[in-house]
Amino acid sequence: MSKKILIIDDDIDLVEVLRMTLEGCGYQILDAQNGTRGYALIEREKPDIVILDVMMSTWDEGFEVLQKIRSNPSIAQTPVIMLTAVSQQMGIPYAKDPEVLPVDEFIEKPIMPGKLLTIIKKYVQ
């Protein structure tokens, strides 16, 4: 059975590029363009990993989704890769910080799909 990756990002072009790359490597891709739908998919589908944007409907929607994930015991251990341009666009530096930003990886856009694939493989075998 192929591993499931959920991409929560409102950039449809990015989602499609990632979908083609990751499906080509045998992953099953689920996607949502906002945090509400994405969180519902996490609860229902239990993906093996989540790729999460920050700025969608609001500038901090991804942070809100992340907090909901980490607060729900049934999905709290799901690896989350935050893939975003929030630091560039908001001028606020963010980094992986287990207390402030409890993500497994924090990556600034743009990223080459191959590099993202390497990072995904650290968490999904």
N, C-alpha and C. Protein backbone atom coordinates (compact mmCIF):
# COMPACT_ATOMS: atom_id res chain seq x y z
N MET A 1 0.85 -1.19 0.00
CA MET A 1 0.00 0.00 0.00
C MET A 1 0.89 1.24 0.00
N SER A 2 0.58 2.19 -0.87
CA SER A 2 1.41 3.38 -0.97
C SER A 2 1.16 4.32 0.21
N LYS A 3 2.18 5.04 0.57
CA LYS A 3 2.10 6.00 1.66
C LYS A 3 1.33 7.23 1.19
N LYS A 4 0.55 7.82 2.13
CA LYS A 4 -0.27 8.98 1.81
C LYS A 4 0.41 10.26 2.26
N ILE A 5 0.44 11.22 1.35
CA ILE A 5 0.95 12.56 1.64
C ILE A 5 -0.19 13.54 1.42
N LEU A 6 -0.46 14.36 2.42
CA LEU A 6 -1.46 15.41 2.30
C LEU A 6 -0.74 16.73 2.11
N ILE A 7 -1.09 17.44 1.03
CA ILE A 7 -0.55 18.76 0.75
C ILE A 7 -1.66 19.77 1.01
N ILE A 8 -1.42 20.68 1.96
CA ILE A 8 -2.38 21.74 2.26
C ILE A 8 -1.75 23.05 1.81
N ASP A 9 -2.19 23.54 0.66
CA ASP A 9 -1.61 24.75 0.07
C ASP A 9 -2.60 25.32 -0.92
N ASP A 10 -2.75 26.62 -0.94
CA ASP A 10 -3.69 27.25 -1.88
C ASP A 10 -3.08 27.56 -3.23
N ASP A 11 -1.81 27.25 -3.41
CA ASP A 11 -1.13 27.45 -4.69
C ASP A 11 -1.31 26.19 -5.54
N ILE A 12 -2.32 26.20 -6.39
CA ILE A 12 -2.69 25.03 -7.19
C ILE A 12 -1.53 24.57 -8.07
N ASP A 13 -0.79 25.51 -8.65
CA ASP A 13 0.33 25.13 -9.51
C ASP A 13 1.38 24.35 -8.73
N LEU A 14 1.71 24.82 -7.54
CA LEU A 14 2.69 24.11 -6.70
C LEU A 14 2.17 22.72 -6.34
N VAL A 15 0.91 22.64 -5.96
CA VAL A 15 0.33 21.35 -5.59
C VAL A 15 0.45 20.37 -6.76
N GLU A 16 0.17 20.82 -7.97
CA GLU A 16 0.23 19.93 -9.13
C GLU A 16 1.65 19.49 -9.45
N VAL A 17 2.62 20.40 -9.31
CA VAL A 17 4.02 20.01 -9.52
C VAL A 17 4.43 18.96 -8.49
N LEU A 18 4.08 19.21 -7.24
CA LEU A 18 4.41 18.23 -6.19
C LEU A 18 3.68 16.92 -6.42
N ARG A 19 2.42 17.00 -6.83
CA ARG A 19 1.64 15.78 -7.10
C ARG A 19 2.34 14.92 -8.17
N MET A 20 2.72 15.53 -9.28
CA MET A 20 3.37 14.77 -10.36
C MET A 20 4.65 14.13 -9.88
N THR A 21 5.45 14.89 -9.14
CA THR A 21 6.73 14.37 -8.64
C THR A 21 6.51 13.22 -7.66
N LEU A 22 5.64 13.44 -6.69
CA LEU A 22 5.46 12.46 -5.63
C LEU A 22 4.69 11.23 -6.09
N GLU A 23 3.68 11.41 -6.92
CA GLU A 23 2.97 10.24 -7.46
C GLU A 23 3.91 9.40 -8.32
N GLY A 24 4.81 10.07 -9.03
CA GLY A 24 5.80 9.36 -9.83
C GLY A 24 6.74 8.50 -8.99
N CYS A 25 6.82 8.82 -7.70
CA CYS A 25 7.65 8.04 -6.77
C CYS A 25 6.81 7.05 -5.96
N GLY A 26 5.54 6.91 -6.33
CA GLY A 26 4.71 5.90 -5.71
C GLY A 26 3.86 6.35 -4.53
N TYR A 27 3.87 7.63 -4.21
CA TYR A 27 3.06 8.12 -3.10
C TYR A 27 1.63 8.41 -3.56
N GLN A 28 0.69 8.26 -2.64
CA GLN A 28 -0.69 8.66 -2.88
C GLN A 28 -0.82 10.09 -2.37
N ILE A 29 -1.32 10.99 -3.21
CA ILE A 29 -1.41 12.41 -2.85
C ILE A 29 -2.85 12.81 -2.60
N LEU A 30 -3.05 13.47 -1.47
CA LEU A 30 -4.31 14.11 -1.14
C LEU A 30 -4.00 15.60 -1.08
N ASP A 31 -4.98 16.44 -1.39
CA ASP A 31 -4.69 17.88 -1.29
C ASP A 31 -5.91 18.65 -0.82
N ALA A 32 -5.63 19.78 -0.24
CA ALA A 32 -6.65 20.71 0.22
C ALA A 32 -6.10 22.11 0.01
N GLN A 33 -6.99 23.03 -0.34
CA GLN A 33 -6.55 24.40 -0.60
C GLN A 33 -6.80 25.33 0.58
N ASN A 34 -7.29 24.80 1.70
CA ASN A 34 -7.45 25.63 2.89
C ASN A 34 -7.31 24.76 4.13
N GLY A 35 -7.13 25.42 5.25
CA GLY A 35 -6.88 24.71 6.49
C GLY A 35 -8.05 23.89 7.00
N THR A 36 -9.26 24.39 6.81
CA THR A 36 -10.44 23.67 7.29
C THR A 36 -10.57 22.32 6.59
N ARG A 37 -10.49 22.34 5.28
CA ARG A 37 -10.59 21.09 4.51
C ARG A 37 -9.38 20.20 4.79
N GLY A 38 -8.20 20.80 4.89
CA GLY A 38 -7.00 20.03 5.16
C GLY A 38 -7.06 19.31 6.49
N TYR A 39 -7.51 20.02 7.52
CA TYR A 39 -7.61 19.39 8.84
C TYR A 39 -8.62 18.24 8.83
N ALA A 40 -9.73 18.43 8.14
CA ALA A 40 -10.73 17.37 8.03
C ALA A 40 -10.13 16.14 7.34
N LEU A 41 -9.32 16.36 6.31
CA LEU A 41 -8.66 15.24 5.62
C LEU A 41 -7.67 14.53 6.53
N ILE A 42 -6.96 15.29 7.34
CA ILE A 42 -6.00 14.66 8.27
C ILE A 42 -6.75 13.74 9.22
N GLU A 43 -7.83 14.24 9.79
CA GLU A 43 -8.59 13.42 10.74
C GLU A 43 -9.18 12.17 10.06
N ARG A 44 -9.69 12.32 8.86
CA ARG A 44 -10.35 11.21 8.18
C ARG A 44 -9.36 10.23 7.55
N GLU A 45 -8.35 10.74 6.86
CA GLU A 45 -7.47 9.90 6.05
C GLU A 45 -6.20 9.44 6.77
N LYS A 46 -5.83 10.11 7.84
CA LYS A 46 -4.61 9.77 8.60
C LYS A 46 -3.40 9.63 7.67
N PRO A 47 -3.00 10.72 6.99
CA PRO A 47 -1.86 10.62 6.08
C PRO A 47 -0.57 10.29 6.83
N ASP A 48 0.39 9.80 6.09
CA ASP A 48 1.69 9.46 6.69
C ASP A 48 2.53 10.71 6.95
N ILE A 49 2.25 11.78 6.21
CA ILE A 49 2.97 13.04 6.38
C ILE A 49 2.11 14.15 5.79
N VAL A 50 2.28 15.36 6.32
CA VAL A 50 1.55 16.53 5.84
C VAL A 50 2.55 17.59 5.40
N ILE A 51 2.30 18.16 4.22
CA ILE A 51 3.06 19.33 3.74
C ILE A 51 2.09 20.50 3.87
N LEU A 52 2.45 21.47 4.68
CA LEU A 52 1.54 22.53 5.08
C LEU A 52 2.09 23.91 4.78
N ASP A 53 1.30 24.70 4.07
CA ASP A 53 1.61 26.11 3.85
C ASP A 53 1.14 26.90 5.06
N VAL A 54 1.64 28.12 5.23
CA VAL A 54 1.19 28.98 6.32
C VAL A 54 0.10 29.93 5.83
N MET A 55 0.42 30.70 4.80
CA MET A 55 -0.49 31.75 4.34
C MET A 55 -1.44 31.20 3.28
N MET A 56 -2.71 31.09 3.69
CA MET A 56 -3.74 30.64 2.76
C MET A 56 -4.87 31.66 2.83
N SER A 57 -6.00 31.32 3.45
CA SER A 57 -7.10 32.28 3.58
C SER A 57 -6.72 33.46 4.47
N THR A 58 -5.89 33.18 5.47
CA THR A 58 -5.35 34.23 6.34
C THR A 58 -3.84 34.05 6.40
N TRP A 59 -3.13 35.05 6.90
CA TRP A 59 -1.67 34.99 6.90
C TRP A 59 -1.13 33.91 7.84
N ASP A 60 -1.94 33.43 8.80
CA ASP A 60 -1.45 32.46 9.77
C ASP A 60 -2.27 31.16 9.81
N GLU A 61 -3.04 30.90 8.76
CA GLU A 61 -3.92 29.73 8.75
C GLU A 61 -3.15 28.43 8.99
N GLY A 62 -1.99 28.30 8.39
CA GLY A 62 -1.20 27.09 8.57
C GLY A 62 -0.75 26.88 10.01
N PHE A 63 -0.41 27.97 10.70
CA PHE A 63 -0.02 27.87 12.11
C PHE A 63 -1.20 27.35 12.94
N GLU A 64 -2.41 27.83 12.61
CA GLU A 64 -3.60 27.37 13.32
C GLU A 64 -3.84 25.88 13.09
N VAL A 65 -3.69 25.44 11.86
CA VAL A 65 -3.86 24.01 11.54
C VAL A 65 -2.81 23.19 12.29
N LEU A 66 -1.59 23.66 12.29
CA LEU A 66 -0.52 22.95 12.99
C LEU A 66 -0.85 22.77 14.47
N GLN A 67 -1.33 23.82 15.11
CA GLN A 67 -1.68 23.73 16.52
C GLN A 67 -2.81 22.72 16.76
N LYS A 68 -3.79 22.70 15.85
CA LYS A 68 -4.89 21.73 15.97
C LYS A 68 -4.37 20.30 15.81
N ILE A 69 -3.44 20.10 14.86
CA ILE A 69 -2.86 18.77 14.67
C ILE A 69 -2.15 18.32 15.94
N ARG A 70 -1.30 19.18 16.47
CA ARG A 70 -0.50 18.82 17.65
C ARG A 70 -1.34 18.68 18.91
N SER A 71 -2.55 19.25 18.92
CA SER A 71 -3.44 19.15 20.08
C SER A 71 -4.35 17.93 20.03
N ASN A 72 -4.39 17.24 18.91
CA ASN A 72 -5.28 16.09 18.75
C ASN A 72 -4.45 14.80 18.91
N PRO A 73 -4.64 14.07 20.00
CA PRO A 73 -3.81 12.88 20.25
C PRO A 73 -3.82 11.85 19.12
N SER A 74 -4.90 11.75 18.37
CA SER A 74 -4.96 10.72 17.32
C SER A 74 -4.11 11.07 16.10
N ILE A 75 -3.71 12.32 15.95
CA ILE A 75 -2.90 12.72 14.79
C ILE A 75 -1.67 13.54 15.18
N ALA A 76 -1.46 13.76 16.46
CA ALA A 76 -0.38 14.63 16.94
C ALA A 76 1.01 14.21 16.48
N GLN A 77 1.21 12.92 16.28
CA GLN A 77 2.54 12.43 15.89
C GLN A 77 2.76 12.42 14.38
N THR A 78 1.79 12.87 13.60
CA THR A 78 1.94 12.93 12.15
C THR A 78 3.05 13.91 11.80
N PRO A 79 4.04 13.48 11.02
CA PRO A 79 5.09 14.42 10.62
C PRO A 79 4.50 15.56 9.78
N VAL A 80 4.96 16.77 10.07
CA VAL A 80 4.50 17.95 9.33
C VAL A 80 5.71 18.69 8.79
N ILE A 81 5.69 18.90 7.48
CA ILE A 81 6.69 19.75 6.82
C ILE A 81 5.99 21.06 6.49
N MET A 82 6.46 22.14 7.07
CA MET A 82 5.89 23.44 6.75
C MET A 82 6.70 23.99 5.59
N LEU A 83 6.03 24.17 4.46
CA LEU A 83 6.65 24.65 3.22
C LEU A 83 5.98 25.96 2.89
N THR A 84 6.70 27.08 3.06
CA THR A 84 6.04 28.37 3.00
C THR A 84 6.99 29.50 2.60
N ALA A 85 6.40 30.60 2.21
CA ALA A 85 7.14 31.82 1.92
C ALA A 85 6.83 32.89 2.96
N VAL A 86 6.31 32.49 4.11
CA VAL A 86 5.87 33.46 5.12
C VAL A 86 7.02 34.36 5.57
N SER A 87 8.21 33.82 5.75
CA SER A 87 9.33 34.65 6.20
C SER A 87 9.66 35.73 5.18
N GLN A 88 9.66 35.35 3.91
CA GLN A 88 9.96 36.31 2.84
C GLN A 88 8.87 37.37 2.73
N GLN A 89 7.63 36.93 2.75
CA GLN A 89 6.52 37.85 2.51
C GLN A 89 6.18 38.71 3.71
N MET A 90 6.37 38.20 4.91
CA MET A 90 6.03 38.95 6.11
C MET A 90 7.25 39.63 6.74
N GLY A 91 8.44 39.23 6.31
CA GLY A 91 9.65 39.82 6.88
C GLY A 91 9.90 39.37 8.31
N ILE A 92 9.31 38.25 8.69
CA ILE A 92 9.48 37.71 10.04
C ILE A 92 10.21 36.38 9.92
N PRO A 93 11.38 36.28 10.53
CA PRO A 93 12.10 35.01 10.43
C PRO A 93 11.45 33.92 11.28
N TYR A 94 11.27 32.76 10.68
CA TYR A 94 10.76 31.60 11.39
C TYR A 94 11.76 30.47 11.20
N ALA A 95 11.78 29.59 12.15
CA ALA A 95 12.64 28.41 12.04
C ALA A 95 11.99 27.30 12.85
N LYS A 96 12.48 26.10 12.65
CA LYS A 96 11.99 24.95 13.40
C LYS A 96 12.28 25.18 14.88
N ASP A 97 11.24 25.20 15.70
CA ASP A 97 11.37 25.39 17.13
C ASP A 97 10.26 24.57 17.79
N PRO A 98 10.61 23.54 18.51
CA PRO A 98 9.61 22.61 19.03
C PRO A 98 8.55 23.26 19.93
N GLU A 99 8.89 24.36 20.59
CA GLU A 99 7.91 25.00 21.46
C GLU A 99 7.07 26.03 20.73
N VAL A 100 7.70 26.83 19.88
CA VAL A 100 6.99 27.89 19.18
C VAL A 100 6.36 27.37 17.89
N LEU A 101 7.10 26.55 17.17
CA LEU A 101 6.66 26.06 15.87
C LEU A 101 6.95 24.56 15.81
N PRO A 102 6.05 23.73 16.36
CA PRO A 102 6.31 22.30 16.48
C PRO A 102 6.14 21.51 15.17
N VAL A 103 7.00 21.82 14.20
CA VAL A 103 7.00 21.09 12.93
C VAL A 103 8.23 20.21 12.87
N ASP A 104 8.18 19.22 11.98
CA ASP A 104 9.34 18.36 11.80
C ASP A 104 10.37 19.03 10.91
N GLU A 105 9.89 19.81 9.93
CA GLU A 105 10.77 20.56 9.03
C GLU A 105 10.10 21.89 8.70
N PHE A 106 10.89 22.94 8.63
CA PHE A 106 10.40 24.25 8.19
C PHE A 106 11.24 24.63 6.98
N ILE A 107 10.59 24.75 5.82
CA ILE A 107 11.31 24.98 4.57
C ILE A 107 10.72 26.19 3.87
N GLU A 108 11.61 27.08 3.45
CA GLU A 108 11.19 28.26 2.69
C GLU A 108 10.99 27.90 1.22
N LYS A 109 9.91 28.43 0.64
CA LYS A 109 9.69 28.32 -0.80
C LYS A 109 10.63 29.29 -1.48
N PRO A 110 11.04 29.04 -2.66
CA PRO A 110 10.77 27.83 -3.45
C PRO A 110 11.74 26.70 -3.07
N ILE A 111 11.31 25.50 -3.33
CA ILE A 111 12.16 24.33 -3.12
C ILE A 111 12.03 23.43 -4.34
N MET A 112 13.11 22.85 -4.72
CA MET A 112 13.09 21.91 -5.84
C MET A 112 12.39 20.64 -5.38
N PRO A 113 11.50 20.09 -6.20
CA PRO A 113 10.77 18.88 -5.79
C PRO A 113 11.68 17.74 -5.36
N GLY A 114 12.82 17.58 -6.00
CA GLY A 114 13.74 16.50 -5.62
C GLY A 114 14.26 16.66 -4.21
N LYS A 115 14.55 17.89 -3.81
CA LYS A 115 15.02 18.14 -2.45
C LYS A 115 13.91 17.85 -1.45
N LEU A 116 12.69 18.25 -1.78
CA LEU A 116 11.56 17.96 -0.91
C LEU A 116 11.37 16.44 -0.77
N LEU A 117 11.53 15.72 -1.86
CA LEU A 117 11.41 14.27 -1.83
C LEU A 117 12.42 13.66 -0.87
N THR A 118 13.63 14.16 -0.88
CA THR A 118 14.67 13.67 0.04
C THR A 118 14.24 13.90 1.49
N ILE A 119 13.66 15.06 1.77
CA ILE A 119 13.21 15.36 3.13
C ILE A 119 12.05 14.46 3.51
N ILE A 120 11.11 14.25 2.62
CA ILE A 120 9.96 13.37 2.89
C ILE A 120 10.45 11.97 3.25
N LYS A 121 11.44 11.48 2.53
CA LYS A 121 11.95 10.12 2.78
C LYS A 121 12.56 9.97 4.17
N LYS A 122 12.93 11.07 4.82
CA LYS A 122 13.42 10.99 6.20
C LYS A 122 12.31 10.55 7.16
N TYR A 123 11.06 10.85 6.79
CA TYR A 123 9.93 10.60 7.69
C TYR A 123 9.00 9.49 7.22
N VAL A 124 9.00 9.20 5.93
CA VAL A 124 8.09 8.20 5.38
C VAL A 124 8.93 7.14 4.69
N GLN A 125 8.90 5.96 5.22
CA GLN A 125 9.70 4.85 4.65
C GLN A 125 8.90 4.04 3.68
